[in-house]
């Protein structure tokens, strides 16, 4: 493993444990077992290092989402599988979960900005899948960005938020059925 990768792994560990605001370059250097100056040969500052880690995390989320798609399955089936995987990643990835907590508790501007960037990446990813399905004739022509946003926010609300205000969480089958009978029913060609 090269030095840059070691530094990124150390920084990801520090950001995951302490959050963005509490992580220092000294901590990262100590975890990576390098001098602080070595970090600056690869990254100009903490923000640049943080952004590189978030980009890598977003790529991991996209790869995990693509991995659950089934060749030959319908757009609806693959969209459901991909969105559920993204939300599972969001809830179980240590850094992503820490960023969500830090946003709620501390309202750190850099974290708010990065979480917004991640959401835009997710919507862009979904939009591209919708546009591909429209081109293949699987979906009716629509405002792909608006529909992508609606799908993401609907899944987010049903998977993450529902359980906060109700006694029990919705099952994956309930979520799939609800969205199949509403959003997907309107989209399918």
N, C-alpha and C. Protein backbone atom coordinates (compact mmCIF):
# COMPACT_ATOMS: atom_id res chain seq x y z
N UNK A 1 0.85 -1.18 0.00
CA UNK A 1 0.00 0.00 0.00
C UNK A 1 0.90 1.24 0.00
N UNK A 2 0.52 2.24 -0.78
CA UNK A 2 1.34 3.45 -0.85
C UNK A 2 1.00 4.42 0.28
N UNK A 3 1.87 5.39 0.47
CA UNK A 3 1.72 6.37 1.57
C UNK A 3 0.39 7.13 1.49
N UNK A 4 0.04 7.55 0.29
CA UNK A 4 -1.21 8.32 0.13
C UNK A 4 -2.39 7.50 0.62
N UNK A 5 -2.43 6.22 0.24
CA UNK A 5 -3.52 5.34 0.65
C UNK A 5 -3.51 5.14 2.17
N UNK A 6 -2.32 4.98 2.75
CA UNK A 6 -2.21 4.83 4.21
C UNK A 6 -2.75 6.06 4.93
N UNK A 7 -2.42 7.22 4.40
CA UNK A 7 -2.90 8.47 4.99
C UNK A 7 -4.42 8.56 4.88
N UNK A 8 -4.96 8.20 3.72
CA UNK A 8 -6.41 8.26 3.53
C UNK A 8 -7.11 7.29 4.49
N UNK A 9 -6.57 6.10 4.67
CA UNK A 9 -7.19 5.14 5.59
C UNK A 9 -7.12 5.65 7.03
N UNK A 10 -6.00 6.23 7.40
CA UNK A 10 -5.87 6.79 8.75
C UNK A 10 -6.85 7.94 8.95
N UNK A 11 -6.96 8.79 7.96
CA UNK A 11 -7.89 9.93 8.06
C UNK A 11 -9.33 9.44 8.12
N UNK A 12 -9.66 8.45 7.32
CA UNK A 12 -11.03 7.91 7.35
C UNK A 12 -11.34 7.35 8.73
N UNK A 13 -10.37 6.69 9.33
CA UNK A 13 -10.55 6.16 10.68
C UNK A 13 -10.77 7.30 11.67
N UNK A 14 -9.95 8.33 11.59
CA UNK A 14 -10.08 9.47 12.50
C UNK A 14 -11.41 10.19 12.32
N UNK A 15 -11.78 10.47 11.07
CA UNK A 15 -13.07 11.13 10.81
C UNK A 15 -14.23 10.26 11.29
N UNK A 16 -14.11 8.95 11.14
CA UNK A 16 -15.17 8.03 11.58
C UNK A 16 -15.31 8.00 13.09
N UNK A 17 -14.19 8.09 13.78
CA UNK A 17 -14.22 8.03 15.24
C UNK A 17 -14.56 9.37 15.88
N UNK A 18 -13.94 10.44 15.38
CA UNK A 18 -14.04 11.73 16.04
C UNK A 18 -14.90 12.76 15.31
N UNK A 19 -15.23 12.49 14.06
CA UNK A 19 -15.97 13.45 13.26
C UNK A 19 -15.02 14.40 12.56
N UNK A 20 -15.59 15.21 11.69
CA UNK A 20 -14.77 16.15 10.91
C UNK A 20 -14.18 17.23 11.81
N UNK A 21 -15.02 17.85 12.61
CA UNK A 21 -14.60 18.99 13.40
C UNK A 21 -13.47 18.64 14.37
N UNK A 22 -13.55 17.47 15.01
CA UNK A 22 -12.58 17.09 16.03
C UNK A 22 -11.32 16.42 15.48
N UNK A 23 -11.33 16.07 14.21
CA UNK A 23 -10.14 15.45 13.62
C UNK A 23 -9.10 16.51 13.31
N UNK A 24 -7.86 16.20 13.67
CA UNK A 24 -6.75 17.10 13.36
C UNK A 24 -5.75 16.37 12.47
N UNK A 25 -4.93 17.14 11.81
CA UNK A 25 -3.89 16.54 10.97
C UNK A 25 -2.87 15.81 11.85
N UNK A 26 -2.66 16.27 13.07
CA UNK A 26 -1.77 15.57 14.01
C UNK A 26 -2.30 14.18 14.32
N UNK A 27 -3.62 14.06 14.53
CA UNK A 27 -4.22 12.74 14.79
C UNK A 27 -4.03 11.82 13.59
N UNK A 28 -4.29 12.35 12.42
CA UNK A 28 -4.16 11.55 11.19
C UNK A 28 -2.71 11.08 11.04
N UNK A 29 -1.76 11.97 11.28
CA UNK A 29 -0.34 11.61 11.18
C UNK A 29 0.01 10.50 12.17
N UNK A 30 -0.51 10.62 13.38
CA UNK A 30 -0.23 9.61 14.40
C UNK A 30 -0.82 8.25 14.02
N UNK A 31 -2.05 8.24 13.56
CA UNK A 31 -2.70 6.98 13.16
C UNK A 31 -1.98 6.37 11.96
N UNK A 32 -1.56 7.22 11.02
CA UNK A 32 -0.88 6.73 9.81
C UNK A 32 0.58 6.40 10.07
N UNK A 33 1.07 6.82 11.23
CA UNK A 33 2.46 6.60 11.58
C UNK A 33 3.42 7.30 10.60
N UNK A 34 3.05 8.54 10.28
CA UNK A 34 3.88 9.38 9.40
C UNK A 34 4.01 10.76 10.04
N UNK A 35 4.96 11.53 9.56
CA UNK A 35 5.07 12.91 10.01
C UNK A 35 3.97 13.74 9.39
N UNK A 36 3.57 14.78 10.09
CA UNK A 36 2.50 15.64 9.57
C UNK A 36 2.86 16.22 8.21
N UNK A 37 4.14 16.52 8.01
CA UNK A 37 4.58 17.07 6.73
C UNK A 37 4.34 16.11 5.58
N UNK A 38 4.39 14.81 5.85
CA UNK A 38 4.13 13.81 4.81
C UNK A 38 2.71 13.92 4.28
N UNK A 39 1.79 14.21 5.18
CA UNK A 39 0.38 14.37 4.76
C UNK A 39 0.28 15.53 3.77
N UNK A 40 1.00 16.62 4.08
CA UNK A 40 0.91 17.81 3.24
C UNK A 40 1.59 17.64 1.87
N UNK A 41 2.36 16.59 1.69
CA UNK A 41 2.90 16.33 0.35
C UNK A 41 1.81 15.77 -0.58
N UNK A 42 0.75 15.21 0.03
CA UNK A 42 -0.34 14.64 -0.76
C UNK A 42 -1.61 15.49 -0.73
N UNK A 43 -1.84 16.18 0.37
CA UNK A 43 -3.08 16.94 0.56
C UNK A 43 -2.74 18.32 1.11
N UNK A 44 -3.29 19.35 0.51
CA UNK A 44 -2.98 20.73 0.90
C UNK A 44 -3.49 21.06 2.30
N UNK A 45 -4.62 20.46 2.68
CA UNK A 45 -5.21 20.77 3.98
C UNK A 45 -6.21 19.69 4.38
N UNK A 46 -6.79 19.85 5.53
CA UNK A 46 -7.76 18.87 6.05
C UNK A 46 -8.97 18.76 5.13
N UNK A 47 -9.42 19.86 4.57
CA UNK A 47 -10.59 19.85 3.70
C UNK A 47 -10.34 19.01 2.45
N UNK A 48 -9.17 19.17 1.86
CA UNK A 48 -8.84 18.39 0.66
C UNK A 48 -8.77 16.89 0.98
N UNK A 49 -8.17 16.56 2.11
CA UNK A 49 -8.10 15.17 2.55
C UNK A 49 -9.50 14.62 2.80
N UNK A 50 -10.31 15.38 3.48
CA UNK A 50 -11.69 14.98 3.77
C UNK A 50 -12.48 14.75 2.48
N UNK A 51 -12.35 15.65 1.53
CA UNK A 51 -13.06 15.51 0.26
C UNK A 51 -12.62 14.27 -0.51
N UNK A 52 -11.34 13.95 -0.46
CA UNK A 52 -10.83 12.74 -1.12
C UNK A 52 -11.43 11.49 -0.49
N UNK A 53 -11.57 11.49 0.81
CA UNK A 53 -12.14 10.35 1.52
C UNK A 53 -13.63 10.22 1.20
N UNK A 54 -14.33 11.33 1.17
CA UNK A 54 -15.77 11.30 0.87
C UNK A 54 -15.99 10.84 -0.57
N UNK A 55 -15.14 11.27 -1.50
CA UNK A 55 -15.25 10.82 -2.88
C UNK A 55 -15.08 9.30 -2.95
N UNK A 56 -14.09 8.78 -2.26
CA UNK A 56 -13.86 7.34 -2.23
C UNK A 56 -15.07 6.61 -1.63
N UNK A 57 -15.64 7.17 -0.56
CA UNK A 57 -16.80 6.57 0.08
C UNK A 57 -18.00 6.55 -0.90
N UNK A 58 -18.17 7.63 -1.63
CA UNK A 58 -19.27 7.71 -2.60
C UNK A 58 -19.09 6.68 -3.71
N UNK A 59 -17.85 6.49 -4.14
CA UNK A 59 -17.57 5.47 -5.16
C UNK A 59 -17.86 4.07 -4.63
N UNK A 60 -17.53 3.82 -3.36
CA UNK A 60 -17.84 2.53 -2.74
C UNK A 60 -19.35 2.30 -2.69
N UNK A 61 -20.09 3.34 -2.33
CA UNK A 61 -21.54 3.23 -2.25
C UNK A 61 -22.12 2.92 -3.63
N UNK A 62 -21.63 3.60 -4.65
CA UNK A 62 -22.10 3.36 -6.01
C UNK A 62 -21.79 1.93 -6.45
N UNK A 63 -20.59 1.45 -6.14
CA UNK A 63 -20.20 0.09 -6.51
C UNK A 63 -21.07 -0.95 -5.79
N UNK A 64 -21.33 -0.74 -4.51
CA UNK A 64 -22.20 -1.67 -3.78
C UNK A 64 -23.61 -1.65 -4.34
N UNK A 65 -24.06 -0.47 -4.74
CA UNK A 65 -25.40 -0.35 -5.32
C UNK A 65 -25.48 -1.07 -6.65
N UNK A 66 -24.47 -0.90 -7.48
CA UNK A 66 -24.45 -1.58 -8.78
C UNK A 66 -24.36 -3.09 -8.62
N UNK A 67 -23.70 -3.54 -7.56
CA UNK A 67 -23.50 -4.98 -7.35
C UNK A 67 -24.80 -5.73 -7.07
N UNK A 68 -25.82 -5.03 -6.58
CA UNK A 68 -27.08 -5.72 -6.27
C UNK A 68 -28.04 -5.76 -7.46
N UNK A 69 -27.73 -5.04 -8.52
CA UNK A 69 -28.58 -5.05 -9.72
C UNK A 69 -28.48 -6.42 -10.39
N UNK A 70 -29.60 -6.85 -10.92
CA UNK A 70 -29.67 -8.16 -11.58
C UNK A 70 -29.88 -7.95 -13.07
N UNK A 71 -28.99 -8.51 -13.86
CA UNK A 71 -29.11 -8.42 -15.32
C UNK A 71 -30.45 -9.02 -15.75
N UNK A 72 -31.20 -8.28 -16.55
CA UNK A 72 -32.47 -8.76 -17.06
C UNK A 72 -33.66 -8.46 -16.16
N UNK A 73 -33.40 -7.96 -14.95
CA UNK A 73 -34.51 -7.59 -14.06
C UNK A 73 -35.12 -6.28 -14.54
N UNK A 74 -36.32 -6.01 -14.11
CA UNK A 74 -36.99 -4.78 -14.52
C UNK A 74 -36.32 -3.56 -13.87
N UNK A 75 -36.60 -2.39 -14.45
CA UNK A 75 -36.07 -1.16 -13.87
C UNK A 75 -36.53 -1.04 -12.43
N UNK A 76 -37.79 -1.31 -12.18
CA UNK A 76 -38.34 -1.18 -10.83
C UNK A 76 -37.61 -2.09 -9.84
N UNK A 77 -37.39 -3.34 -10.21
CA UNK A 77 -36.70 -4.27 -9.30
C UNK A 77 -35.28 -3.80 -9.01
N UNK A 78 -34.56 -3.40 -10.04
CA UNK A 78 -33.19 -2.95 -9.83
C UNK A 78 -33.13 -1.61 -9.11
N UNK A 79 -34.06 -0.72 -9.40
CA UNK A 79 -34.09 0.57 -8.69
C UNK A 79 -34.33 0.33 -7.20
N UNK A 80 -35.27 -0.54 -6.90
CA UNK A 80 -35.56 -0.86 -5.49
C UNK A 80 -34.32 -1.45 -4.82
N UNK A 81 -33.69 -2.42 -5.45
CA UNK A 81 -32.51 -3.07 -4.87
C UNK A 81 -31.37 -2.07 -4.67
N UNK A 82 -31.15 -1.22 -5.67
CA UNK A 82 -30.07 -0.23 -5.57
C UNK A 82 -30.33 0.79 -4.46
N UNK A 83 -31.55 1.30 -4.41
CA UNK A 83 -31.86 2.30 -3.39
C UNK A 83 -31.81 1.71 -1.99
N UNK A 84 -32.29 0.51 -1.82
CA UNK A 84 -32.21 -0.13 -0.50
C UNK A 84 -30.75 -0.34 -0.10
N UNK A 85 -29.91 -0.72 -1.06
CA UNK A 85 -28.49 -0.92 -0.77
C UNK A 85 -27.82 0.40 -0.39
N UNK A 86 -28.16 1.47 -1.09
CA UNK A 86 -27.60 2.78 -0.75
C UNK A 86 -27.96 3.18 0.68
N UNK A 87 -29.20 2.93 1.05
CA UNK A 87 -29.64 3.31 2.40
C UNK A 87 -29.03 2.40 3.46
N UNK A 88 -28.81 1.14 3.10
CA UNK A 88 -28.11 0.25 4.03
C UNK A 88 -26.68 0.76 4.22
N UNK A 89 -26.03 1.12 3.13
CA UNK A 89 -24.67 1.67 3.18
C UNK A 89 -24.65 2.92 4.05
N UNK A 90 -25.62 3.79 3.86
CA UNK A 90 -25.72 5.04 4.60
C UNK A 90 -25.80 4.78 6.10
N UNK A 91 -26.53 3.75 6.48
CA UNK A 91 -26.73 3.47 7.89
C UNK A 91 -25.62 2.66 8.53
N UNK A 92 -24.89 1.89 7.74
CA UNK A 92 -23.88 1.00 8.32
C UNK A 92 -22.44 1.44 8.10
N UNK A 93 -22.20 2.31 7.13
CA UNK A 93 -20.84 2.79 6.89
C UNK A 93 -20.48 3.74 8.03
N UNK A 94 -19.42 3.43 8.74
CA UNK A 94 -19.08 4.16 9.96
C UNK A 94 -18.88 5.66 9.71
N UNK A 95 -18.17 6.02 8.66
CA UNK A 95 -17.94 7.44 8.37
C UNK A 95 -19.23 8.15 8.00
N UNK A 96 -20.01 7.54 7.13
CA UNK A 96 -21.27 8.17 6.70
C UNK A 96 -22.17 8.40 7.91
N UNK A 97 -22.28 7.39 8.77
CA UNK A 97 -23.12 7.52 9.97
C UNK A 97 -22.60 8.63 10.89
N UNK A 98 -21.28 8.73 11.03
CA UNK A 98 -20.70 9.77 11.88
C UNK A 98 -20.97 11.16 11.31
N UNK A 99 -20.91 11.28 9.99
CA UNK A 99 -21.19 12.58 9.36
C UNK A 99 -22.64 12.99 9.59
N UNK A 100 -23.55 12.04 9.49
CA UNK A 100 -24.96 12.34 9.73
C UNK A 100 -25.16 12.81 11.17
N UNK A 101 -24.52 12.12 12.11
CA UNK A 101 -24.61 12.52 13.52
C UNK A 101 -24.02 13.91 13.74
N UNK A 102 -22.86 14.17 13.13
CA UNK A 102 -22.23 15.47 13.31
C UNK A 102 -23.08 16.59 12.71
N UNK A 103 -23.72 16.31 11.61
CA UNK A 103 -24.60 17.32 11.01
C UNK A 103 -25.73 17.67 11.97
N UNK A 104 -26.35 16.65 12.57
CA UNK A 104 -27.47 16.88 13.49
C UNK A 104 -27.03 17.58 14.77
N UNK A 105 -25.91 17.13 15.33
CA UNK A 105 -25.48 17.62 16.63
C UNK A 105 -24.74 18.95 16.58
N UNK A 106 -23.82 19.09 15.63
CA UNK A 106 -22.94 20.26 15.61
C UNK A 106 -23.20 21.23 14.47
N UNK A 107 -23.91 20.76 13.45
CA UNK A 107 -24.20 21.60 12.28
C UNK A 107 -22.90 22.16 11.66
N UNK A 108 -21.86 21.33 11.60
CA UNK A 108 -20.58 21.73 11.04
C UNK A 108 -20.76 22.06 9.55
N UNK A 109 -20.43 23.29 9.14
CA UNK A 109 -20.65 23.69 7.74
C UNK A 109 -20.01 22.76 6.72
N UNK A 110 -18.78 22.32 6.95
CA UNK A 110 -18.11 21.43 5.98
C UNK A 110 -18.86 20.11 5.85
N UNK A 111 -19.41 19.61 6.94
CA UNK A 111 -20.15 18.36 6.93
C UNK A 111 -21.49 18.54 6.22
N UNK A 112 -22.16 19.63 6.49
CA UNK A 112 -23.43 19.93 5.82
C UNK A 112 -23.21 20.00 4.31
N UNK A 113 -22.14 20.66 3.91
CA UNK A 113 -21.81 20.79 2.49
C UNK A 113 -21.53 19.43 1.86
N UNK A 114 -20.75 18.60 2.54
CA UNK A 114 -20.40 17.29 2.00
C UNK A 114 -21.62 16.38 1.92
N UNK A 115 -22.47 16.40 2.92
CA UNK A 115 -23.67 15.57 2.86
C UNK A 115 -24.60 16.02 1.72
N UNK A 116 -24.66 17.31 1.48
CA UNK A 116 -25.41 17.81 0.33
C UNK A 116 -24.80 17.34 -0.98
N UNK A 117 -23.48 17.34 -1.04
CA UNK A 117 -22.77 16.85 -2.22
C UNK A 117 -23.05 15.37 -2.44
N UNK A 118 -23.04 14.58 -1.38
CA UNK A 118 -23.33 13.15 -1.49
C UNK A 118 -24.75 12.95 -2.00
N UNK A 119 -25.69 13.71 -1.47
CA UNK A 119 -27.08 13.58 -1.92
C UNK A 119 -27.20 13.93 -3.41
N UNK A 120 -26.51 14.97 -3.84
CA UNK A 120 -26.54 15.33 -5.26
C UNK A 120 -25.94 14.22 -6.12
N UNK A 121 -24.89 13.58 -5.63
CA UNK A 121 -24.28 12.44 -6.35
C UNK A 121 -25.27 11.28 -6.45
N UNK A 122 -25.98 11.01 -5.37
CA UNK A 122 -26.96 9.92 -5.38
C UNK A 122 -28.06 10.23 -6.38
N UNK A 123 -28.59 11.43 -6.34
CA UNK A 123 -29.66 11.82 -7.27
C UNK A 123 -29.16 11.75 -8.71
N UNK A 124 -27.94 12.18 -8.94
CA UNK A 124 -27.36 12.11 -10.29
C UNK A 124 -27.22 10.66 -10.75
N UNK A 125 -26.82 9.79 -9.86
CA UNK A 125 -26.69 8.36 -10.15
C UNK A 125 -28.06 7.77 -10.53
N UNK A 126 -29.08 8.08 -9.76
CA UNK A 126 -30.43 7.58 -10.03
C UNK A 126 -30.94 8.16 -11.34
N UNK A 127 -30.68 9.45 -11.55
CA UNK A 127 -31.11 10.12 -12.78
C UNK A 127 -30.53 9.41 -14.01
N UNK A 128 -29.26 9.05 -13.96
CA UNK A 128 -28.63 8.35 -15.08
C UNK A 128 -29.31 7.01 -15.34
N UNK A 129 -29.68 6.30 -14.28
CA UNK A 129 -30.38 5.01 -14.44
C UNK A 129 -31.77 5.23 -15.05
N UNK A 130 -32.44 6.28 -14.64
CA UNK A 130 -33.76 6.60 -15.19
C UNK A 130 -33.64 6.93 -16.68
N UNK A 131 -32.67 7.75 -17.03
CA UNK A 131 -32.50 8.15 -18.43
C UNK A 131 -32.17 6.94 -19.31
N UNK A 132 -31.39 6.02 -18.77
CA UNK A 132 -31.08 4.79 -19.51
C UNK A 132 -32.36 3.97 -19.72
N UNK A 133 -33.20 3.89 -18.69
CA UNK A 133 -34.45 3.13 -18.79
C UNK A 133 -35.42 3.80 -19.77
N UNK A 134 -35.45 5.12 -19.80
CA UNK A 134 -36.29 5.83 -20.76
C UNK A 134 -35.82 5.53 -22.19
N UNK A 135 -34.52 5.58 -22.39
CA UNK A 135 -33.95 5.30 -23.72
C UNK A 135 -34.25 3.88 -24.18
N UNK A 136 -34.34 2.94 -23.23
CA UNK A 136 -34.64 1.54 -23.57
C UNK A 136 -36.14 1.29 -23.68
N UNK A 137 -36.95 2.32 -23.39
CA UNK A 137 -38.40 2.17 -23.47
C UNK A 137 -39.03 1.52 -22.25
N UNK A 138 -38.29 1.37 -21.16
CA UNK A 138 -38.83 0.78 -19.94
C UNK A 138 -39.67 1.77 -19.15
N UNK A 139 -39.34 3.05 -19.26
CA UNK A 139 -40.05 4.09 -18.52
C UNK A 139 -40.59 5.13 -19.49
N UNK A 140 -41.68 5.78 -19.06
CA UNK A 140 -42.22 6.89 -19.82
C UNK A 140 -41.26 8.07 -19.72
N UNK A 141 -41.21 8.90 -20.75
CA UNK A 141 -40.38 10.11 -20.64
C UNK A 141 -40.86 10.96 -19.45
N UNK A 142 -39.90 11.49 -18.71
CA UNK A 142 -40.23 12.28 -17.53
C UNK A 142 -39.07 13.21 -17.21
N UNK A 143 -39.27 14.05 -16.23
CA UNK A 143 -38.18 14.90 -15.73
C UNK A 143 -37.33 14.00 -14.84
N UNK A 144 -36.26 13.46 -15.41
CA UNK A 144 -35.47 12.43 -14.73
C UNK A 144 -34.85 12.91 -13.43
N UNK A 145 -34.44 14.16 -13.37
CA UNK A 145 -33.85 14.66 -12.13
C UNK A 145 -34.90 14.78 -11.03
N UNK A 146 -36.06 15.27 -11.37
CA UNK A 146 -37.14 15.39 -10.39
C UNK A 146 -37.57 14.01 -9.90
N UNK A 147 -37.72 13.06 -10.79
CA UNK A 147 -38.13 11.71 -10.41
C UNK A 147 -37.03 11.04 -9.57
N UNK A 148 -35.77 11.26 -9.93
CA UNK A 148 -34.66 10.70 -9.15
C UNK A 148 -34.68 11.24 -7.73
N UNK A 149 -34.90 12.53 -7.60
CA UNK A 149 -34.98 13.17 -6.28
C UNK A 149 -36.16 12.60 -5.50
N UNK A 150 -37.31 12.48 -6.15
CA UNK A 150 -38.51 11.95 -5.51
C UNK A 150 -38.30 10.50 -5.04
N UNK A 151 -37.68 9.68 -5.88
CA UNK A 151 -37.41 8.29 -5.49
C UNK A 151 -36.48 8.23 -4.28
N UNK A 152 -35.38 8.97 -4.35
CA UNK A 152 -34.42 8.95 -3.25
C UNK A 152 -35.08 9.41 -1.95
N UNK A 153 -35.76 10.53 -2.00
CA UNK A 153 -36.38 11.07 -0.78
C UNK A 153 -37.50 10.16 -0.26
N UNK A 154 -38.23 9.51 -1.16
CA UNK A 154 -39.28 8.59 -0.73
C UNK A 154 -38.69 7.39 -0.01
N UNK A 155 -37.66 6.81 -0.59
CA UNK A 155 -36.99 5.68 0.06
C UNK A 155 -36.38 6.11 1.39
N UNK A 156 -35.74 7.25 1.41
CA UNK A 156 -35.12 7.76 2.63
C UNK A 156 -36.17 7.94 3.73
N UNK A 157 -37.29 8.53 3.37
CA UNK A 157 -38.36 8.75 4.35
C UNK A 157 -38.93 7.43 4.88
N UNK A 158 -39.15 6.47 3.99
CA UNK A 158 -39.76 5.21 4.40
C UNK A 158 -38.79 4.31 5.16
N UNK A 159 -37.52 4.33 4.78
CA UNK A 159 -36.54 3.46 5.43
C UNK A 159 -36.01 4.08 6.72
N UNK A 160 -35.68 5.36 6.68
CA UNK A 160 -35.00 5.99 7.81
C UNK A 160 -35.98 6.72 8.74
N UNK A 161 -36.88 7.51 8.19
CA UNK A 161 -37.70 8.39 9.02
C UNK A 161 -38.96 7.75 9.60
N UNK A 162 -39.55 6.81 8.89
CA UNK A 162 -40.80 6.20 9.34
C UNK A 162 -40.69 5.67 10.77
N UNK A 163 -39.64 4.92 11.04
CA UNK A 163 -39.46 4.30 12.35
C UNK A 163 -39.29 5.30 13.49
N UNK A 164 -38.93 6.54 13.17
CA UNK A 164 -38.75 7.57 14.20
C UNK A 164 -40.08 8.04 14.77
N UNK A 165 -41.14 7.93 13.98
CA UNK A 165 -42.44 8.44 14.42
C UNK A 165 -43.51 7.35 14.55
N UNK A 166 -43.12 6.11 14.28
CA UNK A 166 -44.07 5.00 14.35
C UNK A 166 -43.48 3.88 15.20
N UNK A 167 -44.34 3.05 15.72
CA UNK A 167 -43.89 1.99 16.63
C UNK A 167 -43.01 0.94 15.97
N UNK A 168 -43.23 0.71 14.70
CA UNK A 168 -42.39 -0.28 14.03
C UNK A 168 -41.99 0.21 12.64
N UNK A 169 -40.86 -0.32 12.19
CA UNK A 169 -40.35 0.05 10.88
C UNK A 169 -41.11 -0.71 9.80
N UNK A 170 -41.09 -0.17 8.60
CA UNK A 170 -41.71 -0.84 7.47
C UNK A 170 -40.77 -1.93 6.95
N UNK A 171 -41.34 -3.02 6.50
CA UNK A 171 -40.52 -4.08 5.91
C UNK A 171 -40.14 -3.65 4.49
N UNK A 172 -39.13 -4.31 3.97
CA UNK A 172 -38.72 -4.02 2.59
C UNK A 172 -39.86 -4.32 1.62
N UNK A 173 -40.63 -5.36 1.90
CA UNK A 173 -41.76 -5.71 1.04
C UNK A 173 -42.84 -4.63 1.08
N UNK A 174 -43.09 -4.07 2.26
CA UNK A 174 -44.08 -2.99 2.37
C UNK A 174 -43.62 -1.76 1.58
N UNK A 175 -42.36 -1.43 1.71
CA UNK A 175 -41.82 -0.27 0.99
C UNK A 175 -41.91 -0.50 -0.52
N UNK A 176 -41.50 -1.68 -0.94
CA UNK A 176 -41.54 -2.02 -2.37
C UNK A 176 -42.97 -1.95 -2.90
N UNK A 177 -43.91 -2.52 -2.17
CA UNK A 177 -45.30 -2.52 -2.60
C UNK A 177 -45.89 -1.12 -2.67
N UNK A 178 -45.61 -0.32 -1.67
CA UNK A 178 -46.13 1.05 -1.63
C UNK A 178 -45.61 1.87 -2.82
N UNK A 179 -44.31 1.79 -3.06
CA UNK A 179 -43.74 2.58 -4.15
C UNK A 179 -44.08 1.99 -5.52
N UNK A 180 -44.30 0.69 -5.57
CA UNK A 180 -44.71 0.06 -6.82
C UNK A 180 -46.09 0.55 -7.23
N UNK A 181 -46.97 0.70 -6.27
CA UNK A 181 -48.35 1.12 -6.54
C UNK A 181 -48.50 2.62 -6.72
N UNK A 182 -47.45 3.38 -6.46
CA UNK A 182 -47.55 4.83 -6.60
C UNK A 182 -46.55 5.33 -7.66
N UNK A 183 -45.35 5.61 -7.25
CA UNK A 183 -44.36 6.23 -8.13
C UNK A 183 -44.06 5.36 -9.35
N UNK A 184 -43.71 4.09 -9.11
CA UNK A 184 -43.32 3.24 -10.23
C UNK A 184 -44.49 2.99 -11.19
N UNK A 185 -45.69 2.89 -10.67
CA UNK A 185 -46.87 2.66 -11.51
C UNK A 185 -47.05 3.80 -12.51
N UNK A 186 -46.71 5.01 -12.09
CA UNK A 186 -46.83 6.17 -12.99
C UNK A 186 -45.71 6.25 -14.01
N UNK A 187 -44.57 5.63 -13.72
CA UNK A 187 -43.41 5.74 -14.58
C UNK A 187 -43.31 4.69 -15.65
N UNK A 188 -43.81 3.51 -15.34
CA UNK A 188 -43.60 2.38 -16.24
C UNK A 188 -44.29 2.58 -17.57
N UNK A 189 -43.57 2.25 -18.62
CA UNK A 189 -44.09 2.44 -19.98
C UNK A 189 -45.09 1.35 -20.34
